[in-house]
Every structure is written in C-alpha cells, then in structure tokens.
Amino acid sequence: RGLIGTYQSWCEAMSTYPRTYDLIHAVSVFNLYEDRCKMEDILLEMDRILRPEGTIILRDDVDVLVKVKNYIDEMQYNSRIFDHEEGPLQREKIMVAVKQYWTAPASSPPQTTS
C-alpha cells in the first residue's frame, strides 16, 4: 500500500486518492521548499494522502521541526522529536508523527427545561 522512493513536488497536490498511504518519510522537505510554498500547504497535502493511524517521519533542522510540530499537533497528530543518530549536538533531528483516528462526538439529544 505505498510507493518506494517517489519524488513529489510538495507545492502541488499529489496525484493519488485521499488516505492512500500508511507512511510518509521526507528528508529536508521543508528546507527544500522554504521559499516556494507554505509549510501549512505541505502538511495539509501529507494529511490528505495519509491514512488514519498512518505515520510521517521527517528529518530536518531542529528549528524547522519545532514549527512543524506546532502545526501537526493542532492537526490532532501525536508527535515527538528525536535526536539525530550521531547525537544531540547535530542540528538535524527526526520527528515522528502519527495521525489519529478520530470522529466527531456523538450529538446529544436536546435538553429540555421543565
């Protein structure tokens, strides 16, 4: 259920059905597109193609990932930033975010006052 090694211009919508992929792994994608498109647009496109309970793995500069984490947490993902495998002094970090499966709460019947 996925593609291996695909190249994608994240400034454009990916030609695929929504909720198609279980995993997205992107390296320095936000630095690459920094002056070409908005971070929010990239994250919304990733969200569109990712299945509920799917995972995004991002490798990027720590400052970029902190900004991404703010957005992605608002999108109801569980996310965590990890140190680079060469240690905590590396500016590049790894973020893992899992898309939550959520639904709207059941509507309550109207309450009447007596």
N, C-alpha and C. Protein backbone atom coordinates (compact mmCIF):
# COMPACT_ATOMS: atom_id res chain seq x y z
N ARG A 1 0.82 -1.18 0.00
CA ARG A 1 0.00 0.00 0.00
C ARG A 1 0.86 1.25 0.00
N GLY A 2 1.82 1.35 -0.87
CA GLY A 2 2.62 2.56 -0.90
C GLY A 2 3.61 2.56 -2.03
N LEU A 3 4.29 3.66 -2.13
CA LEU A 3 5.33 3.81 -3.14
C LEU A 3 6.68 3.85 -2.46
N ILE A 4 7.66 3.30 -3.12
CA ILE A 4 9.02 3.33 -2.60
C ILE A 4 9.82 4.32 -3.44
N GLY A 5 10.44 5.29 -2.81
CA GLY A 5 11.32 6.20 -3.50
C GLY A 5 10.66 7.11 -4.51
N THR A 6 9.49 7.60 -4.22
CA THR A 6 8.83 8.51 -5.14
C THR A 6 9.33 9.94 -4.92
N TYR A 7 9.39 10.70 -5.98
CA TYR A 7 9.72 12.11 -5.89
C TYR A 7 8.44 12.89 -6.09
N GLN A 8 8.24 13.90 -5.26
CA GLN A 8 6.98 14.65 -5.28
C GLN A 8 7.28 16.12 -5.12
N SER A 9 6.66 16.94 -5.93
CA SER A 9 6.70 18.38 -5.70
C SER A 9 5.60 18.68 -4.69
N TRP A 10 6.00 18.95 -3.46
CA TRP A 10 5.01 19.15 -2.40
C TRP A 10 4.27 20.47 -2.51
N CYS A 11 4.65 21.31 -3.49
CA CYS A 11 3.90 22.54 -3.73
C CYS A 11 2.65 22.28 -4.55
N GLU A 12 2.52 21.07 -5.06
CA GLU A 12 1.36 20.68 -5.85
C GLU A 12 0.71 19.46 -5.20
N ALA A 13 -0.56 19.28 -5.47
CA ALA A 13 -1.26 18.10 -4.94
C ALA A 13 -0.70 16.84 -5.60
N MET A 14 -0.52 15.79 -4.81
CA MET A 14 -0.05 14.52 -5.34
C MET A 14 -1.21 13.83 -6.05
N SER A 15 -0.93 13.27 -7.19
CA SER A 15 -1.97 12.61 -7.98
C SER A 15 -2.26 11.23 -7.38
N THR A 16 -3.06 11.23 -6.34
CA THR A 16 -3.42 9.98 -5.66
C THR A 16 -4.73 10.20 -4.91
N TYR A 17 -5.35 9.11 -4.55
CA TYR A 17 -6.58 9.19 -3.76
C TYR A 17 -6.26 9.61 -2.33
N PRO A 18 -7.21 10.25 -1.65
CA PRO A 18 -7.00 10.56 -0.23
C PRO A 18 -6.86 9.27 0.58
N ARG A 19 -6.15 9.38 1.68
CA ARG A 19 -5.98 8.26 2.63
C ARG A 19 -5.43 7.01 1.96
N THR A 20 -4.40 7.17 1.15
CA THR A 20 -3.82 6.05 0.40
C THR A 20 -2.62 5.43 1.11
N TYR A 21 -1.83 6.21 1.80
CA TYR A 21 -0.53 5.75 2.30
C TYR A 21 -0.50 5.57 3.81
N ASP A 22 0.27 4.58 4.24
CA ASP A 22 0.47 4.30 5.67
C ASP A 22 1.67 5.06 6.23
N LEU A 23 2.62 5.41 5.35
CA LEU A 23 3.87 6.01 5.81
C LEU A 23 4.35 7.05 4.80
N ILE A 24 4.79 8.18 5.32
CA ILE A 24 5.47 9.20 4.52
C ILE A 24 6.80 9.47 5.22
N HIS A 25 7.90 9.35 4.47
CA HIS A 25 9.23 9.64 5.00
C HIS A 25 9.83 10.73 4.14
N ALA A 26 10.12 11.88 4.73
CA ALA A 26 10.62 13.02 3.97
C ALA A 26 11.87 13.59 4.65
N VAL A 27 12.89 13.84 3.84
CA VAL A 27 14.15 14.37 4.34
C VAL A 27 14.34 15.80 3.84
N SER A 28 14.47 16.74 4.75
CA SER A 28 14.71 18.16 4.45
C SER A 28 13.69 18.77 3.51
N VAL A 29 12.48 18.26 3.51
CA VAL A 29 11.46 18.75 2.58
C VAL A 29 11.09 20.20 2.87
N PHE A 30 11.08 20.61 4.11
CA PHE A 30 10.68 21.97 4.44
C PHE A 30 11.78 22.97 4.12
N ASN A 31 13.04 22.58 4.27
CA ASN A 31 14.14 23.44 3.83
C ASN A 31 14.15 23.56 2.32
N LEU A 32 13.88 22.49 1.63
CA LEU A 32 13.89 22.48 0.17
C LEU A 32 12.83 23.41 -0.42
N TYR A 33 11.64 23.42 0.17
CA TYR A 33 10.52 24.21 -0.35
C TYR A 33 10.29 25.51 0.41
N GLU A 34 11.23 25.90 1.23
CA GLU A 34 11.07 27.06 2.13
C GLU A 34 10.58 28.32 1.41
N ASP A 35 11.13 28.64 0.26
CA ASP A 35 10.76 29.86 -0.44
C ASP A 35 9.76 29.63 -1.56
N ARG A 36 9.28 28.40 -1.71
CA ARG A 36 8.41 28.09 -2.85
C ARG A 36 6.96 27.85 -2.47
N CYS A 37 6.71 27.33 -1.28
CA CYS A 37 5.32 27.12 -0.86
C CYS A 37 5.25 27.11 0.67
N LYS A 38 4.05 27.21 1.18
CA LYS A 38 3.85 27.32 2.63
C LYS A 38 3.96 25.96 3.31
N MET A 39 4.51 25.99 4.50
CA MET A 39 4.63 24.78 5.32
C MET A 39 3.25 24.16 5.57
N GLU A 40 2.25 25.01 5.82
CA GLU A 40 0.91 24.51 6.09
C GLU A 40 0.34 23.74 4.90
N ASP A 41 0.62 24.22 3.69
CA ASP A 41 0.12 23.55 2.49
C ASP A 41 0.74 22.17 2.33
N ILE A 42 2.03 22.06 2.62
CA ILE A 42 2.71 20.76 2.54
C ILE A 42 2.10 19.81 3.56
N LEU A 43 1.91 20.29 4.79
CA LEU A 43 1.35 19.43 5.84
C LEU A 43 -0.09 19.01 5.53
N LEU A 44 -0.87 19.90 4.96
CA LEU A 44 -2.24 19.54 4.59
C LEU A 44 -2.27 18.48 3.49
N GLU A 45 -1.34 18.57 2.55
CA GLU A 45 -1.28 17.56 1.50
C GLU A 45 -0.83 16.22 2.07
N MET A 46 0.14 16.23 2.98
CA MET A 46 0.55 14.99 3.64
C MET A 46 -0.62 14.38 4.41
N ASP A 47 -1.36 15.23 5.10
CA ASP A 47 -2.52 14.77 5.86
C ASP A 47 -3.58 14.16 4.95
N ARG A 48 -3.78 14.76 3.80
CA ARG A 48 -4.80 14.28 2.85
C ARG A 48 -4.49 12.87 2.35
N ILE A 49 -3.22 12.59 2.06
CA ILE A 49 -2.89 11.29 1.46
C ILE A 49 -2.58 10.21 2.49
N LEU A 50 -2.45 10.59 3.76
CA LEU A 50 -2.10 9.63 4.81
C LEU A 50 -3.36 9.03 5.44
N ARG A 51 -3.34 7.72 5.61
CA ARG A 51 -4.45 7.02 6.27
C ARG A 51 -4.51 7.39 7.76
N PRO A 52 -5.70 7.28 8.36
CA PRO A 52 -5.76 7.42 9.82
C PRO A 52 -4.83 6.38 10.46
N GLU A 53 -4.12 6.78 11.49
CA GLU A 53 -3.13 5.98 12.19
C GLU A 53 -1.88 5.73 11.35
N GLY A 54 -1.73 6.48 10.25
CA GLY A 54 -0.51 6.44 9.45
C GLY A 54 0.58 7.29 10.11
N THR A 55 1.81 7.14 9.63
CA THR A 55 2.95 7.79 10.25
C THR A 55 3.71 8.67 9.26
N ILE A 56 4.14 9.83 9.75
CA ILE A 56 5.03 10.71 9.00
C ILE A 56 6.36 10.74 9.74
N ILE A 57 7.45 10.49 9.00
CA ILE A 57 8.79 10.60 9.55
C ILE A 57 9.48 11.73 8.80
N LEU A 58 9.90 12.75 9.54
CA LEU A 58 10.56 13.91 8.94
C LEU A 58 11.95 14.07 9.52
N ARG A 59 12.91 14.34 8.64
CA ARG A 59 14.27 14.68 9.05
C ARG A 59 14.53 16.10 8.56
N ASP A 60 14.85 17.00 9.48
CA ASP A 60 15.07 18.39 9.08
C ASP A 60 15.79 19.11 10.21
N ASP A 61 16.06 20.39 10.00
CA ASP A 61 16.68 21.22 11.01
C ASP A 61 15.75 21.34 12.22
N VAL A 62 16.32 21.40 13.41
CA VAL A 62 15.52 21.42 14.63
C VAL A 62 14.56 22.60 14.67
N ASP A 63 14.98 23.78 14.19
CA ASP A 63 14.09 24.95 14.21
C ASP A 63 12.88 24.73 13.31
N VAL A 64 13.10 24.10 12.18
CA VAL A 64 12.01 23.80 11.25
C VAL A 64 11.06 22.79 11.88
N LEU A 65 11.60 21.75 12.50
CA LEU A 65 10.75 20.72 13.09
C LEU A 65 9.93 21.24 14.27
N VAL A 66 10.45 22.20 15.00
CA VAL A 66 9.66 22.79 16.10
C VAL A 66 8.44 23.51 15.53
N LYS A 67 8.62 24.23 14.42
CA LYS A 67 7.48 24.88 13.76
C LYS A 67 6.50 23.85 13.23
N VAL A 68 7.02 22.80 12.59
CA VAL A 68 6.16 21.73 12.07
C VAL A 68 5.37 21.09 13.20
N LYS A 69 6.04 20.84 14.32
CA LYS A 69 5.37 20.20 15.46
C LYS A 69 4.19 21.04 15.95
N ASN A 70 4.32 22.35 15.96
CA ASN A 70 3.21 23.21 16.38
C ASN A 70 2.00 23.01 15.47
N TYR A 71 2.23 22.97 14.18
CA TYR A 71 1.13 22.76 13.23
C TYR A 71 0.54 21.35 13.36
N ILE A 72 1.42 20.37 13.39
CA ILE A 72 0.96 18.98 13.33
C ILE A 72 0.21 18.58 14.60
N ASP A 73 0.60 19.15 15.73
CA ASP A 73 -0.13 18.88 16.96
C ASP A 73 -1.54 19.47 16.90
N GLU A 74 -1.68 20.62 16.26
CA GLU A 74 -3.01 21.22 16.07
C GLU A 74 -3.87 20.39 15.12
N MET A 75 -3.23 19.59 14.28
CA MET A 75 -3.95 18.73 13.34
C MET A 75 -4.31 17.38 13.97
N GLN A 76 -4.17 17.28 15.29
CA GLN A 76 -4.54 16.09 16.07
C GLN A 76 -3.63 14.89 15.81
N TYR A 77 -2.35 15.15 15.57
CA TYR A 77 -1.35 14.08 15.46
C TYR A 77 -0.67 13.93 16.81
N ASN A 78 -0.17 12.74 17.09
CA ASN A 78 0.75 12.54 18.21
C ASN A 78 2.14 12.62 17.62
N SER A 79 2.97 13.53 18.12
CA SER A 79 4.29 13.72 17.52
C SER A 79 5.37 13.82 18.58
N ARG A 80 6.57 13.49 18.14
CA ARG A 80 7.72 13.54 19.04
C ARG A 80 8.97 13.80 18.20
N ILE A 81 9.87 14.61 18.72
CA ILE A 81 11.13 14.91 18.05
C ILE A 81 12.25 14.14 18.75
N PHE A 82 13.08 13.48 17.94
CA PHE A 82 14.19 12.68 18.44
C PHE A 82 15.51 13.27 17.96
N ASP A 83 16.58 13.00 18.72
CA ASP A 83 17.91 13.42 18.31
C ASP A 83 18.37 12.65 17.08
N HIS A 84 19.29 13.26 16.35
CA HIS A 84 19.95 12.63 15.21
C HIS A 84 20.73 11.41 15.72
N GLU A 85 20.91 10.42 14.87
CA GLU A 85 21.62 9.21 15.32
C GLU A 85 23.07 9.47 15.70
N GLU A 86 23.64 10.61 15.27
CA GLU A 86 25.02 10.95 15.65
C GLU A 86 25.08 11.75 16.94
N GLY A 87 23.93 11.97 17.58
CA GLY A 87 23.93 12.61 18.88
C GLY A 87 23.14 13.89 18.94
N PRO A 88 22.94 14.41 20.16
CA PRO A 88 22.09 15.58 20.36
C PRO A 88 22.70 16.89 19.87
N LEU A 89 23.98 16.92 19.56
CA LEU A 89 24.61 18.17 19.12
C LEU A 89 24.40 18.44 17.63
N GLN A 90 23.82 17.51 16.91
CA GLN A 90 23.51 17.71 15.49
C GLN A 90 22.26 18.57 15.36
N ARG A 91 22.27 19.53 14.42
CA ARG A 91 21.08 20.38 14.21
C ARG A 91 19.95 19.61 13.56
N GLU A 92 20.27 18.62 12.75
CA GLU A 92 19.22 17.82 12.13
C GLU A 92 18.62 16.89 13.18
N LYS A 93 17.31 16.86 13.23
CA LYS A 93 16.57 16.00 14.16
C LYS A 93 15.58 15.17 13.37
N ILE A 94 14.93 14.25 14.05
CA ILE A 94 13.94 13.36 13.43
C ILE A 94 12.63 13.54 14.17
N MET A 95 11.56 13.77 13.42
CA MET A 95 10.24 13.87 14.03
C MET A 95 9.38 12.73 13.52
N VAL A 96 8.70 12.07 14.44
CA VAL A 96 7.75 11.02 14.10
C VAL A 96 6.38 11.50 14.54
N ALA A 97 5.43 11.48 13.61
CA ALA A 97 4.07 11.94 13.91
C ALA A 97 3.08 10.88 13.43
N VAL A 98 2.14 10.53 14.28
CA VAL A 98 1.13 9.53 13.96
C VAL A 98 -0.23 10.21 13.88
N LYS A 99 -0.88 10.03 12.75
CA LYS A 99 -2.20 10.61 12.52
C LYS A 99 -3.23 9.85 13.36
N GLN A 100 -4.01 10.59 14.10
CA GLN A 100 -5.02 9.96 14.96
C GLN A 100 -6.28 9.63 14.18
N TYR A 101 -6.91 8.56 14.58
CA TYR A 101 -8.21 8.21 14.03
C TYR A 101 -9.24 8.82 14.96
N TRP A 102 -9.91 9.82 14.48
CA TRP A 102 -10.88 10.49 15.34
C TRP A 102 -12.15 10.74 14.57
N THR A 103 -13.23 10.83 15.32
CA THR A 103 -14.53 11.13 14.75
C THR A 103 -15.17 12.24 15.58
N ALA A 104 -16.16 12.85 15.02
CA ALA A 104 -16.89 13.87 15.76
C ALA A 104 -17.64 13.21 16.90
N PRO A 105 -17.77 13.89 18.02
CA PRO A 105 -18.52 13.30 19.13
C PRO A 105 -19.98 13.11 18.75
N ALA A 106 -20.58 12.09 19.33
CA ALA A 106 -22.00 11.84 19.07
C ALA A 106 -22.81 13.02 19.57
N SER A 107 -23.78 13.41 18.79
CA SER A 107 -24.59 14.56 19.20
C SER A 107 -25.52 14.14 20.34
N SER A 108 -25.68 15.04 21.26
CA SER A 108 -26.57 14.79 22.40
C SER A 108 -27.98 15.21 22.04
N PRO A 109 -28.97 14.52 22.57
CA PRO A 109 -30.35 14.96 22.32
C PRO A 109 -30.56 16.32 22.98
N PRO A 110 -31.40 17.15 22.41
CA PRO A 110 -31.65 18.47 23.00
C PRO A 110 -32.19 18.33 24.43
N GLN A 111 -31.68 19.17 25.30
CA GLN A 111 -32.14 19.14 26.68
C GLN A 111 -33.33 20.08 26.82
N THR A 112 -34.32 19.61 27.53
CA THR A 112 -35.50 20.45 27.78
C THR A 112 -35.49 20.87 29.23
N THR A 113 -35.96 22.05 29.46
CA THR A 113 -36.06 22.53 30.84
C THR A 113 -37.52 22.49 31.27
N SER A 114 -37.73 22.09 32.49
CA SER A 114 -39.11 21.98 32.98
C SER A 114 -39.46 23.17 33.82
